[in-house]
Amino acid sequence: DNSDNSKLTDALKEADIEARKIREEAERRKQEDEKERMKKQMKIDRLNAIPEDAEAGTVEEFMYKDGVKEILEKLDTDLVGLIPVKSRVREIAALLVVDKLRRNLGLDTSVPSLHMCFTGAPGTGKTTVAMRMGQILQRMGYSRSGHLVVATRDDLVGQYVGHTAPKTKEVIKKAMGGVLLIDEAYYLYNASNDRDYGQESIEILLNVMEENREDIVIVLAGYKDRMDKFFSFIPGMSSRVGNHIEFPNYEPEELLSIAKVMCRDLEYEMSVDAEPIFFEYIKKRMTMPYFSNARTVRNAVDRARMRAAIRLFSKAFDQSSDGMVSKTEL
């Protein structure tokens, strides 16, 4: 009898404890619902308290004050052509400015997905745009430092078990507070080998893109067709990228303009006679393998500088020369 009574007492105690837990859980949910309701009501009251004609400031004022206008103008100066790219960067800047104006009025805002995908051939300005984008984000308070870190598969993926995670995390750590540009990102995934270490790097990046999206912007870059295929294999990556920007190839006229800008920045002058020759060279070079747009132009300009230096050197050492070199010649 005593054992039966003891069992009954224990069962009643357990029932009481269970009933108390259910009541406490119900009370906790009720309190959370009330908190949520009050939070919503406070937002409504705050919105209603804002006069209809209240001003958050002018767009122009924010563009100037934060230095965004200056960076966009520098982008125009630095990059010849690329009108669609510049327009897209301006659209992103506009969204950030309006977001800041809303915050000034106390309106609800949420940081938009700033992770990006840049598609296009090498030498079309992807790195330059990523650098300027970082500066815009930093000036507007969406990024702590706005610095740019460029990485490839070799920087992120290890050669043996346990090597990939530390490598990927180290690169991410360097890029925190700024922009991480992963060039030819599709090489991270090897469809023919499901044991490839790149998969581990992708999983870490996916996690960081979600959990640390307010402290790092990840830009995935590469050829469009390969990037599309990459996203088809990793759908989670595609859903985290909010901005896709396509970089078109340059026209020959634009490449000539780029060469002239490069010469100007190096304080050289391209002679009028040299322009048509360079133009024809670029047109021919565009049909040949390994053409890389502005990179090919930079290499050509560097070769031209070297040949000019050799001509000056030879002339100065010529027996009929006094060895003097004029400012014009330099």
Protein backbone atom coordinates (compact mmCIF):
# COMPACT_ATOMS: atom_id res chain seq x y z
CA ASP A 1 0.00 0.00 0.00
CA ASN A 2 2.79 2.40 0.97
CA SER A 3 4.52 1.80 -2.35
CA ASP A 4 1.28 2.41 -4.24
CA ASN A 5 0.71 5.65 -2.30
CA SER A 6 4.28 6.71 -3.01
CA LYS A 7 3.84 6.05 -6.73
CA LEU A 8 0.56 7.98 -6.71
CA THR A 9 2.20 10.92 -4.90
CA ASP A 10 5.08 10.94 -7.44
CA ALA A 11 2.64 10.80 -10.35
CA LEU A 12 0.62 13.71 -8.91
CA LYS A 13 3.83 15.71 -8.38
CA GLU A 14 4.91 15.07 -11.99
CA ALA A 15 1.45 16.08 -13.20
CA ASP A 16 1.67 19.29 -11.14
CA ILE A 17 5.14 20.06 -12.51
CA GLU A 18 3.94 19.41 -16.09
CA ALA A 19 0.86 21.57 -15.57
CA ARG A 20 3.02 24.36 -14.12
CA LYS A 21 5.41 24.16 -17.11
CA ILE A 22 2.46 24.43 -19.52
CA ARG A 23 1.10 27.46 -17.60
CA GLU A 24 4.55 29.12 -17.54
CA GLU A 25 5.03 28.52 -21.27
CA ALA A 26 1.57 29.95 -22.02
CA GLU A 27 2.36 32.99 -19.83
CA ARG A 28 5.74 33.49 -21.55
CA ARG A 29 4.10 33.37 -25.00
CA LYS A 30 1.44 35.81 -23.82
CA GLN A 31 4.11 38.24 -22.59
CA GLU A 32 6.07 37.93 -25.85
CA ASP A 33 2.90 38.59 -27.88
CA GLU A 34 2.17 41.64 -25.72
CA LYS A 35 5.75 42.92 -26.20
CA GLU A 36 5.44 42.47 -29.97
CA ARG A 37 2.05 44.24 -29.98
CA MET A 38 3.47 47.17 -27.97
CA LYS A 39 6.51 47.34 -30.28
CA LYS A 40 4.24 47.56 -33.33
CA GLN A 41 2.05 50.16 -31.62
CA MET A 42 5.13 52.27 -30.79
CA LYS A 43 6.16 52.19 -34.45
CA ILE A 44 2.66 53.25 -35.51
CA ASP A 45 2.62 56.05 -32.90
CA ARG A 46 6.08 57.21 -34.01
CA LEU A 47 5.00 57.25 -37.66
CA ASN A 48 1.81 59.15 -36.82
CA ALA A 49 3.85 61.68 -34.84
CA ILE A 50 5.98 62.54 -37.93
CA PRO A 51 4.40 65.57 -39.67
CA GLU A 52 3.47 64.95 -43.31
CA ASP A 53 5.75 67.79 -44.42
CA ALA A 54 8.73 66.70 -42.25
CA GLU A 55 12.05 66.87 -44.09
CA ALA A 56 14.82 64.32 -43.67
CA GLY A 57 17.32 66.37 -45.69
CA THR A 58 18.06 66.62 -49.38
CA VAL A 59 19.54 63.85 -51.49
CA GLU A 60 22.13 66.29 -52.82
CA GLU A 61 23.19 67.18 -49.27
CA PHE A 62 23.80 63.50 -48.43
CA MET A 63 25.62 62.90 -51.71
CA TYR A 64 28.00 65.79 -50.96
CA LYS A 65 28.31 65.37 -47.19
CA ASP A 66 29.20 61.68 -47.33
CA GLY A 67 31.50 62.16 -50.33
CA VAL A 68 29.44 59.79 -52.48
CA LYS A 69 29.19 62.31 -55.31
CA GLU A 70 32.98 62.68 -55.35
CA ILE A 71 33.48 58.89 -55.60
CA LEU A 72 30.91 58.55 -58.40
CA GLU A 73 32.65 61.36 -60.30
CA LYS A 74 36.01 59.60 -59.76
CA LEU A 75 34.46 56.42 -61.16
CA ASP A 76 33.51 58.40 -64.29
CA THR A 77 37.07 59.70 -64.59
CA ASP A 78 38.76 56.37 -63.86
CA LEU A 79 36.64 54.26 -66.17
CA VAL A 80 36.07 55.00 -69.85
CA GLY A 81 32.66 53.87 -71.13
CA LEU A 82 30.89 51.15 -69.10
CA ILE A 83 27.67 53.21 -68.99
CA PRO A 84 25.46 50.28 -67.79
CA VAL A 85 27.92 49.52 -64.96
CA LYS A 86 28.09 53.15 -63.81
CA SER A 87 24.28 53.38 -63.92
CA ARG A 88 23.95 50.27 -61.74
CA VAL A 89 26.46 51.62 -59.19
CA ARG A 90 24.49 54.89 -59.08
CA GLU A 91 21.26 52.92 -58.49
CA ILE A 92 22.84 51.11 -55.52
CA ALA A 93 24.17 54.44 -54.16
CA ALA A 94 20.68 55.96 -54.57
CA LEU A 95 19.13 53.11 -52.56
CA LEU A 96 21.64 53.65 -49.75
CA VAL A 97 21.04 57.44 -49.69
CA VAL A 98 17.24 56.99 -49.52
CA ASP A 99 17.69 54.34 -46.82
CA LYS A 100 19.68 56.87 -44.79
CA LEU A 101 17.03 59.58 -45.31
CA ARG A 102 14.38 57.15 -44.02
CA ARG A 103 16.48 56.45 -40.95
CA ASN A 104 16.75 60.19 -40.31
CA LEU A 105 12.96 60.32 -40.03
CA GLY A 106 12.84 57.30 -37.76
CA LEU A 107 11.22 55.10 -40.42
CA ASP A 108 11.89 51.37 -40.46
CA THR A 109 14.86 50.32 -42.57
CA SER A 110 16.70 47.10 -43.12
CA VAL A 111 20.13 46.86 -44.69
CA PRO A 112 19.59 45.59 -48.25
CA SER A 113 21.61 42.63 -49.52
CA LEU A 114 24.82 44.26 -50.73
CA HIS A 115 26.58 41.08 -51.90
CA MET A 116 27.23 41.34 -55.64
CA CYS A 117 28.08 39.38 -58.75
CA PHE A 118 30.27 41.03 -61.42
CA THR A 119 30.28 39.25 -64.77
CA GLY A 120 32.49 40.01 -67.74
CA ALA A 121 35.82 39.32 -69.40
CA PRO A 122 39.18 40.18 -67.74
CA GLY A 123 40.24 43.82 -67.86
CA THR A 124 36.72 45.32 -67.96
CA GLY A 125 37.03 47.27 -64.70
CA LYS A 126 35.57 44.82 -62.15
CA THR A 127 38.31 45.37 -59.54
CA THR A 128 38.17 49.17 -59.92
CA VAL A 129 34.38 49.20 -59.48
CA ALA A 130 34.64 46.91 -56.41
CA MET A 131 37.18 49.32 -54.88
CA ARG A 132 34.96 52.36 -55.51
CA MET A 133 31.91 50.46 -54.21
CA GLY A 134 33.77 49.78 -50.96
CA GLN A 135 34.53 53.50 -50.60
CA ILE A 136 30.86 54.41 -51.16
CA LEU A 137 29.71 51.88 -48.53
CA GLN A 138 32.30 53.17 -46.06
CA ARG A 139 31.37 56.84 -46.57
CA MET A 140 27.71 56.02 -46.01
CA GLY A 141 28.28 53.99 -42.86
CA TYR A 142 27.46 50.58 -44.36
CA SER A 143 31.05 49.41 -44.04
CA ARG A 144 33.67 50.10 -41.35
CA SER A 145 36.71 50.64 -43.56
CA GLY A 146 35.61 49.97 -47.16
CA HIS A 147 38.97 48.36 -48.06
CA LEU A 148 39.17 45.78 -50.86
CA VAL A 149 40.64 42.27 -50.59
CA VAL A 150 40.98 40.27 -53.84
CA ALA A 151 41.12 36.47 -53.64
CA THR A 152 41.04 33.43 -55.94
CA ARG A 153 40.54 29.70 -55.30
CA ASP A 154 44.23 29.34 -54.37
CA ASP A 155 43.81 31.84 -51.53
CA LEU A 156 40.71 30.09 -50.13
CA VAL A 157 41.06 26.35 -50.75
CA GLY A 158 43.66 24.08 -49.13
CA GLN A 159 45.51 21.08 -50.50
CA TYR A 160 44.69 18.58 -47.75
CA VAL A 161 42.06 17.80 -45.08
CA GLY A 162 41.75 20.54 -42.46
CA HIS A 163 43.63 23.11 -44.55
CA THR A 164 40.68 24.87 -46.28
CA ALA A 165 38.73 26.24 -43.29
CA PRO A 166 41.71 28.18 -41.78
CA LYS A 167 42.66 29.58 -45.22
CA THR A 168 39.11 30.74 -46.02
CA LYS A 169 38.59 32.18 -42.52
CA GLU A 170 41.91 34.07 -42.70
CA VAL A 171 40.93 35.77 -45.99
CA ILE A 172 37.46 36.60 -44.59
CA LYS A 173 39.10 38.06 -41.46
CA LYS A 174 41.28 40.34 -43.63
CA ALA A 175 38.19 41.52 -45.56
CA MET A 176 35.93 42.13 -42.52
CA GLY A 177 34.67 45.70 -42.53
CA GLY A 178 35.24 45.95 -46.27
CA VAL A 179 34.76 44.16 -49.60
CA LEU A 180 35.98 40.68 -50.56
CA LEU A 181 36.23 40.19 -54.33
CA ILE A 182 36.52 36.51 -55.31
CA ASP A 183 37.81 36.39 -58.88
CA GLU A 184 36.70 33.46 -61.06
CA ALA A 185 34.54 32.23 -58.16
CA TYR A 186 33.28 29.23 -60.17
CA TYR A 187 36.64 27.48 -59.63
CA LEU A 188 35.60 27.01 -56.00
CA TYR A 189 33.17 24.31 -57.13
CA ASN A 190 34.31 21.15 -58.90
CA ALA A 191 31.23 19.30 -60.24
CA SER A 192 33.29 16.25 -61.22
CA ASN A 193 34.62 15.69 -57.69
CA ASP A 194 32.18 15.73 -54.76
CA ARG A 195 35.10 15.40 -52.33
CA ASP A 196 36.79 18.57 -53.60
CA TYR A 197 37.87 20.89 -50.75
CA GLY A 198 36.27 23.89 -52.48
CA GLN A 199 32.86 22.80 -51.16
CA GLU A 200 34.04 23.50 -47.58
CA SER A 201 35.09 27.02 -48.56
CA ILE A 202 31.70 27.63 -50.22
CA GLU A 203 29.86 26.53 -47.05
CA ILE A 204 31.91 28.95 -44.91
CA LEU A 205 31.26 31.79 -47.39
CA LEU A 206 27.50 31.06 -47.44
CA ASN A 207 27.41 31.25 -43.65
CA VAL A 208 29.38 34.51 -43.56
CA MET A 209 27.20 36.07 -46.30
CA GLU A 210 24.16 35.43 -44.10
CA GLU A 211 25.46 35.92 -40.56
CA ASN A 212 27.91 38.80 -41.18
CA ARG A 213 26.16 40.60 -44.04
CA GLU A 214 26.34 43.92 -42.15
CA ASP A 215 30.13 43.70 -41.77
CA ILE A 216 31.36 42.32 -45.10
CA VAL A 217 30.32 42.61 -48.75
CA ILE A 218 31.26 39.63 -50.92
CA VAL A 219 31.60 40.17 -54.68
CA LEU A 220 31.76 37.08 -56.90
CA ALA A 221 33.37 37.75 -60.28
CA GLY A 222 33.95 35.87 -63.54
CA TYR A 223 32.64 35.09 -67.01
CA LYS A 224 28.82 35.25 -67.19
CA ASP A 225 28.13 31.77 -68.59
CA ARG A 226 30.38 30.12 -65.99
CA MET A 227 28.91 32.18 -63.13
CA ASP A 228 25.37 31.19 -64.22
CA LYS A 229 26.41 27.52 -64.15
CA PHE A 230 28.06 28.00 -60.73
CA PHE A 231 24.84 29.51 -59.31
CA SER A 232 22.83 26.59 -60.72
CA PHE A 233 25.02 24.22 -58.67
CA ILE A 234 24.92 26.41 -55.52
CA PRO A 235 21.40 27.95 -55.34
CA GLY A 236 22.05 29.20 -51.79
CA MET A 237 24.77 31.46 -53.18
CA SER A 238 22.51 32.97 -55.83
CA SER A 239 19.79 33.82 -53.28
CA ARG A 240 22.30 35.73 -51.14
CA VAL A 241 23.51 37.91 -54.03
CA GLY A 242 21.29 40.96 -54.39
CA ASN A 243 23.07 42.84 -57.17
CA HIS A 244 24.18 41.45 -60.53
CA ILE A 245 26.28 43.78 -62.70
CA GLU A 246 27.41 42.84 -66.20
CA PHE A 247 30.62 44.39 -67.55
CA PRO A 248 30.61 44.61 -71.36
CA ASN A 249 33.76 44.33 -73.48
CA TYR A 250 35.28 47.64 -74.58
CA GLU A 251 35.04 48.93 -78.14
CA PRO A 252 38.33 49.77 -79.97
CA GLU A 253 37.60 53.53 -79.66
CA GLU A 254 37.14 53.15 -75.89
CA LEU A 255 40.39 51.21 -75.60
CA LEU A 256 42.24 54.00 -77.41
CA SER A 257 40.72 56.49 -74.92
CA ILE A 258 41.85 54.23 -72.04
CA ALA A 259 45.40 54.21 -73.44
CA LYS A 260 45.37 58.03 -73.60
CA VAL A 261 44.11 58.23 -69.98
CA MET A 262 46.88 55.81 -68.88
CA CYS A 263 49.48 57.96 -70.65
CA ARG A 264 48.05 61.12 -69.07
CA ASP A 265 48.13 59.57 -65.57
CA LEU A 266 51.78 58.60 -66.11
CA GLU A 267 52.50 62.14 -67.43
CA TYR A 268 53.24 60.96 -70.97
CA GLU A 269 51.72 62.25 -74.19
CA MET A 270 50.48 60.04 -77.00
CA SER A 271 51.39 61.85 -80.21
CA VAL A 272 48.72 62.50 -82.85
CA ASP A 273 50.66 60.27 -85.29
CA ALA A 274 50.71 57.39 -82.77
CA GLU A 275 46.91 57.33 -82.25
CA PRO A 276 45.84 55.68 -85.56
CA ILE A 277 48.72 53.17 -85.28
CA PHE A 278 47.70 52.22 -81.74
CA PHE A 279 44.04 52.01 -82.83
CA GLU A 280 44.91 49.53 -85.62
CA TYR A 281 47.07 47.51 -83.24
CA ILE A 282 44.18 47.22 -80.74
CA LYS A 283 41.72 46.15 -83.47
CA LYS A 284 44.10 43.40 -84.56
CA ARG A 285 44.94 42.38 -80.98
CA MET A 286 41.20 41.97 -80.19
CA THR A 287 41.01 39.08 -82.68
CA MET A 288 43.96 37.25 -81.10
CA PRO A 289 44.05 34.86 -78.10
CA TYR A 290 44.41 36.07 -74.50
CA PHE A 291 43.00 39.52 -75.21
CA SER A 292 42.12 41.16 -71.86
CA ASN A 293 40.61 44.58 -72.65
CA ALA A 294 42.22 47.31 -70.47
CA ARG A 295 44.92 44.93 -69.19
CA THR A 296 46.12 44.34 -72.77
CA VAL A 297 46.12 48.12 -73.31
CA ARG A 298 48.19 48.64 -70.12
CA ASN A 299 50.73 46.05 -71.34
CA ALA A 300 50.92 47.81 -74.73
CA VAL A 301 51.43 51.22 -73.05
CA ASP A 302 54.18 49.73 -70.83
CA ARG A 303 55.93 48.28 -73.90
CA ALA A 304 55.69 51.66 -75.65
CA ARG A 305 57.27 53.35 -72.61
CA MET A 306 60.09 50.80 -72.62
CA ARG A 307 60.79 51.34 -76.33
CA ALA A 308 60.77 55.12 -75.82
CA ALA A 309 63.26 54.69 -72.95
CA ILE A 310 65.52 52.47 -75.14
CA ARG A 311 65.43 55.07 -77.96
CA LEU A 312 66.39 57.86 -75.53
CA PHE A 313 69.13 55.71 -73.98
CA SER A 314 70.62 54.82 -77.38
CA LYS A 315 70.44 58.43 -78.56
CA ALA A 316 72.16 59.72 -75.38
CA PHE A 317 75.02 57.27 -75.87
CA ASP A 318 75.40 58.03 -79.57
CA GLN A 319 78.82 59.49 -80.38
CA SER A 320 77.26 62.48 -82.14
CA SER A 321 75.07 63.29 -79.11
CA ASP A 322 75.93 65.59 -76.19
CA GLY A 323 74.04 63.19 -73.87
CA MET A 324 71.42 65.76 -72.89
CA VAL A 325 67.74 64.72 -72.72
CA SER A 326 64.99 67.33 -73.06
CA LYS A 327 61.73 67.57 -71.10
CA THR A 328 59.76 67.01 -74.34
CA GLU A 329 61.65 63.81 -75.04
CA LEU A 330 60.93 62.50 -71.52
